[in-house]
């Protein structure tokens, strides 16, 4: 376990839980699902840089879907 991976876990969990809570309060299914997926990234991705890449890709996907629908 290195510092980059540990920091990525903290950021991914914080961002994911924030989006998840936002989705629950606004009753938006997309936000709830994306929040859960972002929060679970560190359990499946064990490399620091890949963790960051997946996190940014999911945030971009969320932003795109949120603006489109």
Protein backbone atom coordinates (compact mmCIF):
# COMPACT_ATOMS: atom_id res chain seq x y z
CA UNK A 1 0.00 0.00 0.00
CA UNK A 2 1.51 3.32 -1.03
CA UNK A 3 0.54 6.93 -0.40
CA UNK A 4 -1.07 7.51 -3.78
CA UNK A 5 -3.40 4.55 -3.41
CA UNK A 6 -4.34 5.54 0.13
CA UNK A 7 -5.06 9.13 -0.90
CA UNK A 8 -7.09 7.89 -3.88
CA UNK A 9 -9.19 5.74 -1.53
CA UNK A 10 -9.95 8.71 0.70
CA UNK A 11 -10.87 10.98 -2.23
CA UNK A 12 -12.97 8.34 -4.02
CA UNK A 13 -14.86 7.47 -0.85
CA UNK A 14 -15.51 11.13 -0.03
CA UNK A 15 -16.68 12.05 -3.53
CA UNK A 16 -18.75 8.88 -3.86
CA UNK A 17 -20.48 9.30 -0.53
CA UNK A 18 -21.17 12.96 -1.29
CA UNK A 19 -22.80 12.12 -4.62
CA UNK A 20 -24.68 9.24 -2.97
CA UNK A 21 -26.10 11.47 -0.22
CA UNK A 22 -26.99 14.13 -2.80
CA UNK A 23 -28.84 11.47 -4.82
CA UNK A 24 -30.79 10.27 -1.82
CA UNK A 25 -31.84 13.79 -0.82
CA UNK A 26 -32.79 14.78 -4.37
CA UNK A 27 -34.32 11.35 -5.11
CA UNK A 28 -32.16 10.89 -8.23
CA UNK A 29 -31.44 7.30 -9.16
CA UNK A 30 -28.43 8.22 -11.34
CA UNK A 31 -26.68 10.05 -8.49
CA UNK A 32 -27.27 7.20 -6.07
CA UNK A 33 -25.87 4.60 -8.48
CA UNK A 34 -22.84 6.64 -9.52
CA UNK A 35 -22.12 7.42 -5.86
CA UNK A 36 -22.15 3.74 -4.97
CA UNK A 37 -19.92 2.84 -7.92
CA UNK A 38 -17.41 5.60 -7.13
CA UNK A 39 -17.31 4.56 -3.47
CA UNK A 40 -16.59 0.95 -4.41
CA UNK A 41 -13.72 1.71 -6.84
CA UNK A 42 -10.94 1.06 -4.28
CA UNK A 43 -12.21 -2.45 -3.61
CA UNK A 44 -11.69 -3.51 -7.22
CA UNK A 45 -8.80 -1.34 -8.44
CA UNK A 46 -5.55 -1.80 -6.54
CA UNK A 47 -3.23 0.58 -8.40
CA UNK A 48 -3.02 4.26 -7.46
CA UNK A 49 -2.89 5.77 -10.96
CA UNK A 50 -5.58 3.44 -12.31
CA UNK A 51 -7.77 4.32 -9.34
CA UNK A 52 -7.44 8.02 -10.22
CA UNK A 53 -8.15 7.32 -13.88
CA UNK A 54 -11.35 5.38 -13.13
CA UNK A 55 -12.43 8.03 -10.61
CA UNK A 56 -12.04 10.87 -13.12
CA UNK A 57 -13.74 8.84 -15.86
CA UNK A 58 -16.77 8.13 -13.65
CA UNK A 59 -17.03 11.75 -12.56
CA UNK A 60 -16.90 12.83 -16.22
CA UNK A 61 -19.58 10.25 -17.08
CA UNK A 62 -21.75 11.49 -14.23
CA UNK A 63 -21.31 15.11 -15.33
CA UNK A 64 -22.14 14.22 -18.95
CA UNK A 65 -25.25 12.20 -18.06
CA UNK A 66 -26.42 14.84 -15.62
CA UNK A 67 -26.18 17.58 -18.25
CA UNK A 68 -27.76 15.44 -20.96
CA UNK A 69 -30.82 14.22 -19.03
